[in-house]
Amino acid sequence: QELIEFIQLVETETNLKLDPVYTGKAFYALVDLMKSGKIDKGSRVLFLHTGGLQGFRNESF
């Protein structure tokens, strides 16, 4: 449920669509790494969104 809420928040705030199977989990992990300090503040980070939204085949979330 936390992941789904995160995905919905990202889409609302940025218009970036993430699926709950691939890109949503990867982006969630990236944000977690930044929050935990494992990625230094001010670092340049590239998140490559490949456009794969296969996780939306199941609209149950």
Protein backbone atom coordinates (compact mmCIF):
# COMPACT_ATOMS: atom_id res chain seq x y z
CA GLN A 1 0.00 0.00 0.00
CA GLU A 2 2.88 2.38 0.76
CA LEU A 3 4.29 1.87 -2.74
CA ILE A 4 0.93 2.59 -4.37
CA GLU A 5 0.52 5.78 -2.36
CA PHE A 6 4.05 6.82 -3.34
CA ILE A 7 3.33 6.18 -7.04
CA GLN A 8 0.12 8.21 -6.85
CA LEU A 9 1.91 11.08 -5.08
CA VAL A 10 4.69 11.15 -7.68
CA GLU A 11 2.16 11.25 -10.50
CA THR A 12 0.13 13.99 -8.82
CA GLU A 13 3.16 16.17 -8.12
CA THR A 14 5.23 15.54 -11.27
CA ASN A 15 2.93 13.97 -13.87
CA LEU A 16 5.47 11.11 -14.03
CA LYS A 17 3.74 7.77 -14.49
CA LEU A 18 5.31 4.85 -12.67
CA ASP A 19 4.06 1.28 -12.67
CA PRO A 20 3.90 -0.78 -9.44
CA VAL A 21 5.99 -3.66 -10.83
CA TYR A 22 9.15 -2.07 -12.24
CA THR A 23 9.61 1.70 -12.40
CA GLY A 24 7.63 2.43 -9.25
CA LYS A 25 9.79 0.13 -7.15
CA ALA A 26 13.00 1.44 -8.69
CA PHE A 27 12.07 5.09 -8.18
CA TYR A 28 10.87 4.37 -4.64
CA ALA A 29 14.25 2.76 -3.87
CA LEU A 30 16.10 5.74 -5.38
CA VAL A 31 14.17 8.20 -3.22
CA ASP A 32 14.82 5.99 -0.18
CA LEU A 33 18.57 6.04 -0.91
CA MET A 34 18.49 9.82 -1.10
CA LYS A 35 16.50 10.17 2.12
CA SER A 36 18.83 7.80 3.98
CA GLY A 37 21.91 9.76 2.93
CA LYS A 38 23.39 6.91 0.92
CA ILE A 39 23.33 9.28 -2.03
CA ASP A 40 25.00 12.54 -1.05
CA LYS A 41 22.88 15.68 -1.11
CA GLY A 42 23.67 17.66 -4.22
CA SER A 43 24.76 14.60 -6.17
CA ARG A 44 23.72 14.36 -9.78
CA VAL A 45 21.46 11.36 -10.26
CA LEU A 46 20.03 9.99 -13.48
CA PHE A 47 16.90 7.85 -13.34
CA LEU A 48 16.26 6.30 -16.73
CA HIS A 49 12.53 5.76 -17.14
CA THR A 50 12.30 3.27 -19.99
CA GLY A 51 8.61 3.88 -20.48
CA GLY A 52 7.68 0.34 -19.60
CA LEU A 53 4.30 0.49 -17.96
CA GLN A 54 3.59 -3.24 -18.10
CA GLY A 55 2.45 -3.19 -14.49
CA PHE A 56 -0.67 -1.31 -15.53
CA ARG A 57 -2.07 -4.41 -17.20
CA ASN A 58 -3.55 -5.22 -13.82
CA GLU A 59 -5.46 -2.12 -12.73
CA SER A 60 -6.26 -3.60 -9.30
CA PHE A 61 -4.29 -0.94 -7.45
